[in-house]
Amino acid sequence: MNILGISAFYHDSAAALVRDGEIVAAAQEERFSRKKHDERFPVNALRYCLAEGGVRPDELDAVAFYDKPVSKFVRILETYFGVAPKGLSSFMLALPIWLKQKLWIPLEIETCLEREGFTRRPRLYFPEHHESHAASAFFPSPFQEAAILTLDGVGEWATSTIGVGQGPELRILKELRFPHSLGLLYSAFTYFTGFRVNSGEYKLMGLAPYGEPVYVDKILNNLLDLKADGSFRMNMDYFGYLDGLTMTNDRFSRLFDGPPRKAEAEITQREMDLARSIQVVTEEIVLRMARTARALTGQKNLCLAGGVALNCVANGRLLREKIFDRIWIQPAAGDAGGALGAALAVWHLALRKPRQADGVHDRMRGSYLGPAFDDADVGAYLRARGYPAEAIGDSARRAQRIA
């Protein structure tokens, strides 16, 4: 059975192909379009996965989209109505996109497949966003049983979840809900320090070692009500993403000694200290959530996914704290991996198919799941375009001229 997974329309669009529970191919649209974090419908990635799997027009059985668009739209409407009359400008920007595209994802999928020659309509599935993340973390992992922690900006309503996986089963036990979000908190500091949200978070993490955690108390005393179990409520008086077009507002600026750094402006000690401070807070929240996951599930292994799971510094801290015996992190922990998780969720959760795990080897096939080109392919391409090149490798090929 061939199941195509798709993530799209926010950032890091991707496609993945799962056949009888085995991962055949997966690719991110940016690899083909050359647009970093490409959010558009992953036509090229989809085309590659189907071709790599040799899927004929009558052999595609199901397509899984990585979240529930209608539920997400309801959350957006409730949010804007909740802050009205503020937020009108951002509401007017968002509504046309939803009405023209994001509410019509089934039609988008069917139309794309028809253009590619897949005239037989496959069955469509829409697992929840964090269910897709959790599936991408647990089902390819080497563990027969494990706790599951997912952390990102926001899906439909959930922003972080704690779950448990056992064999082919997966259950979400606890969740943190929008607007209280570790991913959005970290992105607020990404924006404030002058980096681009949803792509510059790694720069903020990399900046942290150059600073001191001088703002930690300000963050904990003003922005968050952090509980012992890792759950928290954010003080939305300091943030702009509910009713404005920016992540933070003037009150946030006053708290942290001035306006946001402008992109490409000089990075000062303030930005370094902010980066270090939010990194310390992030690690503390992750550790508290992990301890709660261990207590809730009784599991000794942990699987991680969601954009925040790309924070390798926090992951290293989590590993050193030895809350869990072993940790497995989905390599494509962000939304791109949601395409894979959605397909695996259909196979195991919707279709109730069994799962094998030997406790040692994961089932990601090394994660090199996109296009590959051997020397012959590269040489043919260069010769066809008249590009001078020389093969470099073992002694037999070193002197070989391609063109």
Protein backbone atom coordinates (compact mmCIF):
# COMPACT_ATOMS: atom_id res chain seq x y z
CA MET A 1 0.00 0.00 0.00
CA ASN A 2 1.38 3.41 -1.03
CA ILE A 3 0.73 6.39 1.25
CA LEU A 4 1.88 9.88 0.28
CA GLY A 5 2.44 12.36 3.13
CA ILE A 6 2.33 16.12 2.53
CA SER A 7 3.14 19.22 4.57
CA ALA A 8 2.56 22.65 3.05
CA PHE A 9 1.49 26.30 3.22
CA TYR A 10 3.32 27.53 6.33
CA HIS A 11 7.03 26.80 6.02
CA ASP A 12 9.24 23.86 5.06
CA SER A 13 6.81 22.14 2.71
CA ALA A 14 7.66 18.53 1.97
CA ALA A 15 6.43 15.18 0.72
CA ALA A 16 7.13 11.61 1.80
CA LEU A 17 6.22 8.17 0.48
CA VAL A 18 5.55 5.20 2.76
CA ARG A 19 4.94 1.75 1.30
CA ASP A 20 3.55 -0.95 3.57
CA GLY A 21 4.98 0.89 6.56
CA GLU A 22 8.47 1.31 5.06
CA ILE A 23 9.87 4.75 4.26
CA VAL A 24 10.62 4.86 0.54
CA ALA A 25 11.40 8.53 -0.10
CA ALA A 26 11.08 11.98 1.45
CA ALA A 27 12.12 15.41 0.24
CA GLN A 28 11.66 19.07 1.08
CA GLU A 29 10.35 21.40 -1.61
CA GLU A 30 13.17 23.90 -1.07
CA ARG A 31 15.63 21.37 -2.49
CA PHE A 32 13.96 21.66 -5.88
CA SER A 33 12.71 25.26 -5.90
CA ARG A 34 15.88 26.70 -4.30
CA LYS A 35 13.65 28.91 -2.15
CA LYS A 36 14.71 28.48 1.49
CA HIS A 37 11.89 27.21 3.71
CA ASP A 38 9.56 27.13 0.67
CA GLU A 39 6.00 27.01 1.96
CA ARG A 40 4.24 26.34 -1.35
CA PHE A 41 2.47 23.10 -2.22
CA PRO A 42 5.35 20.61 -2.71
CA VAL A 43 4.72 19.70 -6.33
CA ASN A 44 8.36 18.91 -7.06
CA ALA A 45 8.91 16.92 -3.87
CA LEU A 46 5.68 15.02 -4.48
CA ARG A 47 6.73 14.26 -8.06
CA TYR A 48 10.12 13.01 -6.89
CA CYS A 49 8.70 10.72 -4.19
CA LEU A 50 6.23 9.09 -6.55
CA ALA A 51 8.90 8.61 -9.21
CA GLU A 52 11.46 7.27 -6.73
CA GLY A 53 8.91 4.74 -5.52
CA GLY A 54 7.88 3.79 -9.04
CA VAL A 55 4.24 4.43 -8.16
CA ARG A 56 1.96 4.01 -11.16
CA PRO A 57 -1.22 6.10 -11.56
CA ASP A 58 -3.41 3.31 -10.17
CA GLU A 59 -1.11 2.46 -7.24
CA LEU A 60 -1.47 5.49 -4.94
CA ASP A 61 -3.81 4.40 -2.19
CA ALA A 62 -3.86 7.28 0.29
CA VAL A 63 -2.65 10.83 0.86
CA ALA A 64 -2.13 12.26 4.35
CA PHE A 65 -1.92 15.99 5.02
CA TYR A 66 -0.06 16.85 8.21
CA ASP A 67 -2.75 18.85 10.00
CA LYS A 68 -6.45 19.70 10.05
CA PRO A 69 -6.95 22.92 8.06
CA VAL A 70 -10.51 23.57 9.23
CA SER A 71 -9.54 23.22 12.91
CA LYS A 72 -6.64 25.59 12.37
CA PHE A 73 -8.92 28.09 10.64
CA VAL A 74 -11.33 27.95 13.59
CA ARG A 75 -8.44 28.73 15.95
CA ILE A 76 -7.43 31.72 13.82
CA LEU A 77 -10.99 33.06 13.73
CA GLU A 78 -11.46 32.62 17.48
CA THR A 79 -8.15 34.37 18.12
CA TYR A 80 -9.01 37.41 16.02
CA PHE A 81 -12.54 37.63 17.44
CA GLY A 82 -11.09 37.35 20.93
CA VAL A 83 -8.85 40.41 20.49
CA ALA A 84 -11.22 42.49 18.35
CA PRO A 85 -11.26 45.31 17.41
CA LYS A 86 -7.48 44.98 17.53
CA GLY A 87 -5.89 42.78 14.93
CA LEU A 88 -8.11 43.89 12.06
CA SER A 89 -5.18 44.52 9.72
CA SER A 90 -3.63 41.10 10.28
CA PHE A 91 -7.06 39.47 10.00
CA MET A 92 -7.65 41.15 6.64
CA LEU A 93 -4.27 39.87 5.43
CA ALA A 94 -4.90 36.30 6.57
CA LEU A 95 -8.51 35.82 5.48
CA PRO A 96 -8.05 35.96 1.67
CA ILE A 97 -5.26 33.39 1.80
CA TRP A 98 -7.45 31.01 3.76
CA LEU A 99 -10.52 31.52 1.58
CA LYS A 100 -8.58 31.14 -1.67
CA GLN A 101 -6.17 28.34 -0.78
CA LYS A 102 -5.75 26.92 2.71
CA LEU A 103 -9.36 25.78 3.08
CA TRP A 104 -9.21 24.00 -0.27
CA ILE A 105 -6.36 21.60 0.41
CA PRO A 106 -8.30 18.45 -0.66
CA LEU A 107 -8.96 20.06 -4.03
CA GLU A 108 -5.32 21.19 -4.26
CA ILE A 109 -4.14 17.63 -3.66
CA GLU A 110 -6.54 16.07 -6.16
CA THR A 111 -5.78 18.69 -8.82
CA CYS A 112 -2.03 18.23 -8.45
CA LEU A 113 -2.27 14.46 -8.66
CA GLU A 114 -4.48 14.66 -11.74
CA ARG A 115 -1.90 16.87 -13.43
CA GLU A 116 0.70 14.20 -12.67
CA GLY A 117 -1.48 11.52 -14.25
CA PHE A 118 -2.98 10.06 -11.07
CA THR A 119 -6.61 10.05 -12.15
CA ARG A 120 -7.78 7.53 -9.53
CA ARG A 121 -8.57 9.49 -6.41
CA PRO A 122 -6.80 8.17 -3.30
CA ARG A 123 -8.36 8.36 0.13
CA LEU A 124 -7.44 11.56 2.00
CA TYR A 125 -6.49 11.69 5.68
CA PHE A 126 -5.89 14.67 7.95
CA PRO A 127 -4.17 13.74 11.24
CA GLU A 128 -3.65 16.51 13.77
CA HIS A 129 -0.47 18.56 13.51
CA HIS A 130 1.12 17.32 16.72
CA GLU A 131 -0.09 13.80 16.05
CA SER A 132 1.95 13.97 12.83
CA HIS A 133 4.96 15.24 14.77
CA ALA A 134 4.56 12.50 17.38
CA ALA A 135 4.20 9.83 14.69
CA SER A 136 7.34 11.08 12.94
CA ALA A 137 9.21 10.80 16.24
CA PHE A 138 8.01 7.45 17.55
CA PHE A 139 7.18 5.19 14.62
CA PRO A 140 10.63 5.34 12.93
CA SER A 141 12.43 5.15 16.29
CA PRO A 142 14.18 1.98 17.49
CA PHE A 143 11.97 1.78 20.60
CA GLN A 144 9.09 -0.61 21.10
CA GLU A 145 7.83 1.75 23.81
CA ALA A 146 8.70 5.37 24.56
CA ALA A 147 7.50 8.69 25.90
CA ILE A 148 6.97 11.30 23.17
CA LEU A 149 7.54 15.03 23.49
CA THR A 150 6.57 17.42 20.70
CA LEU A 151 7.31 21.15 20.89
CA ASP A 152 6.79 23.83 18.24
CA GLY A 153 5.02 27.10 17.52
CA VAL A 154 1.44 25.94 17.08
CA GLY A 155 -0.57 23.37 15.18
CA GLU A 156 -4.35 23.53 15.38
CA TRP A 157 -4.46 24.48 19.07
CA ALA A 158 -1.67 22.45 20.64
CA THR A 159 1.80 23.98 20.96
CA SER A 160 3.48 21.19 22.95
CA THR A 161 2.35 17.66 23.74
CA ILE A 162 3.35 14.74 25.90
CA GLY A 163 2.42 11.32 24.59
CA VAL A 164 3.31 7.67 24.79
CA GLY A 165 3.97 5.14 22.06
CA GLN A 166 3.62 1.40 22.49
CA GLY A 167 4.06 -0.86 19.48
CA PRO A 168 1.73 0.47 16.75
CA GLU A 169 -0.19 2.64 19.21
CA LEU A 170 0.32 6.30 20.02
CA ARG A 171 -1.63 8.42 22.49
CA ILE A 172 -1.40 12.11 23.38
CA LEU A 173 -1.71 12.42 27.17
CA LYS A 174 -1.25 16.13 27.80
CA GLU A 175 -0.95 19.30 25.77
CA LEU A 176 -0.13 22.99 26.09
CA ARG A 177 -2.43 25.20 24.02
CA PHE A 178 -2.14 28.38 21.99
CA PRO A 179 -1.25 31.20 22.60
CA HIS A 180 1.10 29.76 25.25
CA SER A 181 3.93 28.30 23.19
CA LEU A 182 7.62 27.63 23.72
CA GLY A 183 8.20 27.83 19.98
CA LEU A 184 6.49 31.22 19.70
CA LEU A 185 8.32 32.48 22.80
CA TYR A 186 11.65 31.56 21.23
CA SER A 187 10.56 33.07 17.90
CA ALA A 188 9.65 36.31 19.68
CA PHE A 189 13.26 36.62 20.78
CA THR A 190 14.39 35.61 17.29
CA TYR A 191 12.42 38.53 15.91
CA PHE A 192 13.52 40.93 18.64
CA THR A 193 17.21 40.21 18.07
CA GLY A 194 16.84 40.96 14.37
CA PHE A 195 16.60 37.50 12.83
CA ARG A 196 13.86 36.11 10.64
CA VAL A 197 11.13 34.10 12.36
CA ASN A 198 10.88 30.44 11.29
CA SER A 199 14.37 30.48 9.80
CA GLY A 200 16.68 32.45 12.09
CA GLU A 201 16.14 30.53 15.31
CA TYR A 202 19.36 28.60 14.79
CA LYS A 203 21.23 31.92 14.68
CA LEU A 204 19.75 32.88 18.04
CA MET A 205 20.85 29.53 19.47
CA GLY A 206 24.33 30.02 18.02
CA LEU A 207 24.55 33.52 19.46
CA ALA A 208 23.77 32.37 23.00
CA PRO A 209 27.30 31.25 24.03
CA TYR A 210 28.57 34.81 23.49
CA GLY A 211 26.21 36.28 26.07
CA GLU A 212 25.35 36.10 29.74
CA PRO A 213 21.94 35.07 31.16
CA VAL A 214 21.26 38.52 32.60
CA TYR A 215 17.63 38.64 31.43
CA VAL A 216 16.49 35.28 32.79
CA ASP A 217 14.75 36.77 35.82
CA LYS A 218 13.01 39.38 33.68
CA ILE A 219 11.70 36.64 31.39
CA LEU A 220 10.47 34.45 34.23
CA ASN A 221 9.03 37.31 36.30
CA ASN A 222 7.33 39.21 33.48
CA LEU A 223 6.72 37.02 30.43
CA LEU A 224 5.92 33.62 31.92
CA ASP A 225 4.09 31.91 34.71
CA LEU A 226 6.13 28.70 34.64
CA LYS A 227 4.88 25.67 36.57
CA ALA A 228 6.87 22.75 37.97
CA ASP A 229 5.53 20.40 35.29
CA GLY A 230 6.84 22.60 32.47
CA SER A 231 3.48 24.06 31.54
CA PHE A 232 3.23 27.84 31.49
CA ARG A 233 1.10 30.80 30.64
CA MET A 234 2.55 33.71 28.72
CA ASN A 235 1.76 37.30 29.62
CA MET A 236 0.31 38.39 26.28
CA ASP A 237 0.61 42.07 27.24
CA TYR A 238 4.20 41.83 25.96
CA PHE A 239 3.55 40.06 22.65
CA GLY A 240 2.10 41.22 19.34
CA TYR A 241 1.32 38.03 17.47
CA LEU A 242 -2.34 37.87 18.58
CA ASP A 243 -3.45 41.30 17.46
CA GLY A 244 -0.59 42.71 15.40
CA LEU A 245 1.86 42.03 12.63
CA THR A 246 4.95 41.63 14.83
CA MET A 247 5.96 39.08 17.44
CA THR A 248 6.61 41.65 20.19
CA ASN A 249 5.30 45.10 21.10
CA ASP A 250 6.46 48.35 22.71
CA ARG A 251 6.05 46.99 26.23
CA PHE A 252 8.44 44.16 25.36
CA SER A 253 10.91 46.75 24.06
CA ARG A 254 10.77 48.75 27.26
CA LEU A 255 11.37 45.62 29.31
CA PHE A 256 14.46 44.69 27.30
CA ASP A 257 16.20 48.03 27.00
CA GLY A 258 15.13 49.37 23.64
CA PRO A 259 13.56 48.55 20.29
CA PRO A 260 14.19 45.36 18.33
CA ARG A 261 17.46 45.14 16.48
CA LYS A 262 17.02 45.85 12.78
CA ALA A 263 18.02 43.11 10.37
CA GLU A 264 21.68 43.33 9.33
CA ALA A 265 22.40 45.94 12.02
CA GLU A 266 25.37 45.40 14.30
CA ILE A 267 24.85 42.71 16.92
CA THR A 268 25.45 44.18 20.36
CA GLN A 269 26.02 42.68 23.78
CA ARG A 270 22.30 43.10 24.46
CA GLU A 271 21.40 40.65 21.68
CA MET A 272 24.01 38.18 22.91
CA ASP A 273 22.64 38.37 26.46
CA LEU A 274 19.05 38.02 25.23
CA ALA A 275 20.02 34.94 23.23
CA ARG A 276 21.73 33.35 26.23
CA SER A 277 18.82 34.20 28.51
CA ILE A 278 16.07 32.73 26.34
CA GLN A 279 18.24 29.66 25.73
CA VAL A 280 18.53 29.10 29.49
CA VAL A 281 14.77 29.51 29.90
CA THR A 282 14.07 27.18 26.97
CA GLU A 283 16.29 24.48 28.43
CA GLU A 284 14.58 24.77 31.80
CA ILE A 285 11.13 24.38 30.22
CA VAL A 286 12.25 21.39 28.14
CA LEU A 287 13.74 19.70 31.20
CA ARG A 288 10.58 20.22 33.24
CA MET A 289 8.40 18.87 30.44
CA ALA A 290 10.70 15.87 30.06
CA ARG A 291 10.51 15.07 33.77
CA THR A 292 6.73 15.28 33.54
CA ALA A 293 6.75 12.97 30.52
CA ARG A 294 8.83 10.43 32.43
CA ALA A 295 6.48 10.59 35.42
CA LEU A 296 3.30 10.38 33.32
CA THR A 297 4.39 7.52 31.10
CA GLY A 298 6.86 5.58 33.23
CA GLN A 299 8.91 5.08 30.07
CA LYS A 300 12.71 5.02 30.03
CA ASN A 301 13.06 6.12 26.40
CA LEU A 302 12.08 9.45 24.84
CA CYS A 303 11.26 10.49 21.27
CA LEU A 304 11.33 14.15 20.23
CA ALA A 305 9.92 16.15 17.32
CA GLY A 306 8.61 19.63 16.53
CA GLY A 307 10.62 22.71 15.62
CA VAL A 308 11.94 23.23 19.15
CA ALA A 309 13.45 19.73 18.99
CA LEU A 310 15.92 21.22 16.49
CA ASN A 311 17.50 23.12 19.39
CA CYS A 312 20.50 20.81 19.70
CA VAL A 313 21.87 22.70 22.72
CA ALA A 314 18.69 21.98 24.70
CA ASN A 315 18.79 18.38 23.44
CA GLY A 316 22.35 18.00 24.69
CA ARG A 317 21.34 19.34 28.09
CA LEU A 318 18.41 16.92 28.18
CA LEU A 319 20.73 14.02 27.40
CA ARG A 320 23.23 15.02 30.11
CA GLU A 321 20.52 15.30 32.74
CA LYS A 322 19.76 11.57 32.22
CA ILE A 323 16.02 11.96 32.75
CA PHE A 324 15.64 9.21 30.15
CA ASP A 325 17.98 6.33 29.42
CA ARG A 326 17.87 6.91 25.67
CA ILE A 327 16.63 9.69 23.39
CA TRP A 328 15.75 9.51 19.70
CA ILE A 329 15.08 12.72 17.77
CA GLN A 330 13.39 12.86 14.37
CA PRO A 331 16.07 14.29 12.02
CA ALA A 332 13.44 16.35 10.19
CA ALA A 333 11.90 17.50 13.45
CA GLY A 334 10.22 20.59 11.97
CA ASP A 335 7.21 20.81 9.68
CA ALA A 336 9.01 19.02 6.83
CA GLY A 337 9.03 15.87 8.94
CA GLY A 338 5.30 16.26 9.45
CA ALA A 339 4.78 14.88 5.95
CA LEU A 340 6.46 11.64 6.97
CA GLY A 341 4.65 11.55 10.30
CA ALA A 342 1.28 12.01 8.62
CA ALA A 343 1.89 9.04 6.30
CA LEU A 344 3.07 6.83 9.18
CA ALA A 345 0.08 7.90 11.29
CA VAL A 346 -2.26 6.66 8.56
CA TRP A 347 -0.46 3.29 8.30
CA HIS A 348 -0.31 2.55 12.02
CA LEU A 349 -3.14 4.55 13.60
CA ALA A 350 -5.83 4.73 10.93
CA LEU A 351 -5.19 1.37 9.25
CA ARG A 352 -4.07 -0.41 12.46
CA LYS A 353 -1.03 -2.00 10.86
CA PRO A 354 1.66 -3.63 13.07
CA ARG A 355 5.07 -2.15 13.77
CA GLN A 356 8.46 -3.75 14.40
CA ALA A 357 11.23 -2.25 16.54
CA ASP A 358 14.38 -4.04 17.66
CA GLY A 359 15.54 -1.52 20.24
CA VAL A 360 18.71 -0.75 18.29
CA HIS A 361 18.08 0.32 14.71
CA ASP A 362 15.76 3.11 13.62
CA ARG A 363 13.79 2.86 10.36
CA MET A 364 14.82 6.16 8.77
CA ARG A 365 17.27 4.51 6.35
CA GLY A 366 19.90 7.02 7.37
CA SER A 367 17.65 9.98 6.51
CA TYR A 368 19.20 10.38 3.03
CA LEU A 369 15.79 10.07 1.45
CA GLY A 370 15.93 12.70 -1.29
CA PRO A 371 17.42 12.70 -4.81
CA ALA A 372 20.94 11.34 -5.35
CA PHE A 373 23.19 11.67 -8.39
CA ASP A 374 26.11 9.39 -9.17
CA ASP A 375 29.27 10.37 -11.05
CA ALA A 376 27.83 9.28 -14.38
CA ASP A 377 24.77 11.51 -13.94
CA VAL A 378 26.88 14.50 -12.96
CA GLY A 379 29.31 13.92 -15.82
CA ALA A 380 26.51 13.63 -18.37
CA TYR A 381 24.94 16.86 -17.13
CA LEU A 382 28.23 18.76 -17.36
CA ARG A 383 29.09 17.40 -20.80
CA ALA A 384 25.64 18.24 -22.16
CA ARG A 385 26.11 21.85 -21.14
CA GLY A 386 29.74 22.15 -22.13
CA TYR A 387 31.04 22.83 -18.62
CA PRO A 388 34.74 21.98 -18.13
CA ALA A 389 35.20 19.70 -15.12
CA GLU A 390 37.51 17.07 -13.70
CA ALA A 391 36.53 14.06 -11.62
CA ILE A 392 38.28 13.96 -8.25
CA GLY A 393 38.38 10.71 -6.32
CA ASP A 394 40.50 7.59 -6.28
CA SER A 395 43.71 7.38 -8.33
CA ALA A 396 41.97 5.70 -11.25
CA ARG A 397 39.64 8.64 -11.73
CA ARG A 398 41.86 11.52 -10.65
CA ALA A 399 43.26 12.18 -14.10
CA GLN A 400 40.01 11.51 -15.92
CA ARG A 401 38.65 14.44 -17.87
CA ILE A 402 34.89 14.74 -17.98
CA ALA A 403 34.89 17.56 -20.47
